[in-house]
């Protein structure tokens, strides 16, 4: 995976962290808020899920950060 792809995945994680409060975020909302087409979003989420950073519920069409994903976002430098 190249640096641009890793940056895109990190941006997606941060956006999910912003949108997700107490409940999982819908895939449609995440696509809209992140400006990504659904097909690209699903590919990126599959990669993040393989890394253990998100948990997807395909039946409910939702996604949430995993514990590891929350730790990853918390460790990112803030501007």
Protein backbone atom coordinates (compact mmCIF):
# COMPACT_ATOMS: atom_id res chain seq x y z
CA UNK A 1 0.00 0.00 0.00
CA UNK A 2 1.45 3.35 -0.97
CA UNK A 3 1.63 6.51 1.11
CA UNK A 4 -1.37 8.14 -0.62
CA UNK A 5 -3.55 5.12 0.09
CA UNK A 6 -2.48 5.08 3.74
CA UNK A 7 -3.25 8.79 4.04
CA UNK A 8 -6.70 8.26 2.51
CA UNK A 9 -7.43 5.45 4.98
CA UNK A 10 -6.27 7.60 7.89
CA UNK A 11 -8.50 10.47 6.73
CA UNK A 12 -11.44 8.08 6.54
CA UNK A 13 -10.77 6.84 10.08
CA UNK A 14 -10.65 10.41 11.40
CA UNK A 15 -13.93 11.26 9.63
CA UNK A 16 -15.54 8.15 11.11
CA UNK A 17 -14.28 9.13 14.56
CA UNK A 18 -15.89 12.57 14.11
CA UNK A 19 -19.23 11.12 12.99
CA UNK A 20 -19.49 8.19 15.37
CA UNK A 21 -20.69 9.15 18.81
CA UNK A 22 -22.48 6.43 20.76
CA UNK A 23 -23.75 4.39 17.85
CA UNK A 24 -22.39 3.03 14.56
CA UNK A 25 -22.39 5.32 11.53
CA UNK A 26 -24.40 4.46 8.43
CA UNK A 27 -22.39 3.77 5.31
CA UNK A 28 -24.47 6.32 3.39
CA UNK A 29 -23.72 9.05 5.92
CA UNK A 30 -20.02 8.25 5.95
CA UNK A 31 -19.90 8.28 2.13
CA UNK A 32 -21.65 11.64 2.01
CA UNK A 33 -19.60 13.26 4.78
CA UNK A 34 -16.29 11.94 3.46
CA UNK A 35 -17.07 12.81 -0.18
CA UNK A 36 -16.26 9.27 -1.32
CA UNK A 37 -18.28 7.19 -3.77
CA UNK A 38 -19.82 4.15 -2.10
CA UNK A 39 -17.73 1.70 -4.18
CA UNK A 40 -14.48 3.32 -3.06
CA UNK A 41 -15.69 3.64 0.51
CA UNK A 42 -16.49 -0.07 0.68
CA UNK A 43 -13.01 -0.99 -0.61
CA UNK A 44 -11.36 1.31 1.94
CA UNK A 45 -13.51 -0.01 4.77
CA UNK A 46 -12.63 -3.59 3.79
CA UNK A 47 -8.94 -2.70 4.10
CA UNK A 48 -9.52 -1.01 7.47
CA UNK A 49 -11.50 -4.01 8.68
CA UNK A 50 -8.65 -6.35 7.67
CA UNK A 51 -6.32 -4.16 9.75
CA UNK A 52 -8.71 -4.47 12.72
CA UNK A 53 -9.46 -0.74 12.84
CA UNK A 54 -13.19 -0.82 12.02
CA UNK A 55 -16.11 -3.19 12.50
CA UNK A 56 -18.73 -3.37 9.76
CA UNK A 57 -22.29 -4.66 10.04
CA UNK A 58 -23.24 -5.38 6.44
CA UNK A 59 -26.84 -6.29 7.32
CA UNK A 60 -27.42 -2.94 9.03
CA UNK A 61 -25.14 -1.04 6.59
CA UNK A 62 -23.20 0.51 9.45
CA UNK A 63 -19.59 0.84 10.52
CA UNK A 64 -17.87 1.76 13.76
CA UNK A 65 -14.33 2.13 14.98
CA UNK A 66 -12.94 -0.88 16.79
CA UNK A 67 -11.08 -0.44 20.05
CA UNK A 68 -7.84 -0.51 18.07
CA UNK A 69 -9.24 2.10 15.67
CA UNK A 70 -10.12 4.39 18.57
CA UNK A 71 -6.60 4.04 19.98
CA UNK A 72 -5.09 4.73 16.56
CA UNK A 73 -7.15 7.93 16.17
CA UNK A 74 -6.34 9.03 19.72
CA UNK A 75 -2.63 8.67 19.00
CA UNK A 76 -2.72 10.84 15.87
CA UNK A 77 -1.07 14.26 16.26
CA UNK A 78 -3.50 17.16 16.55
CA UNK A 79 -3.02 20.44 14.70
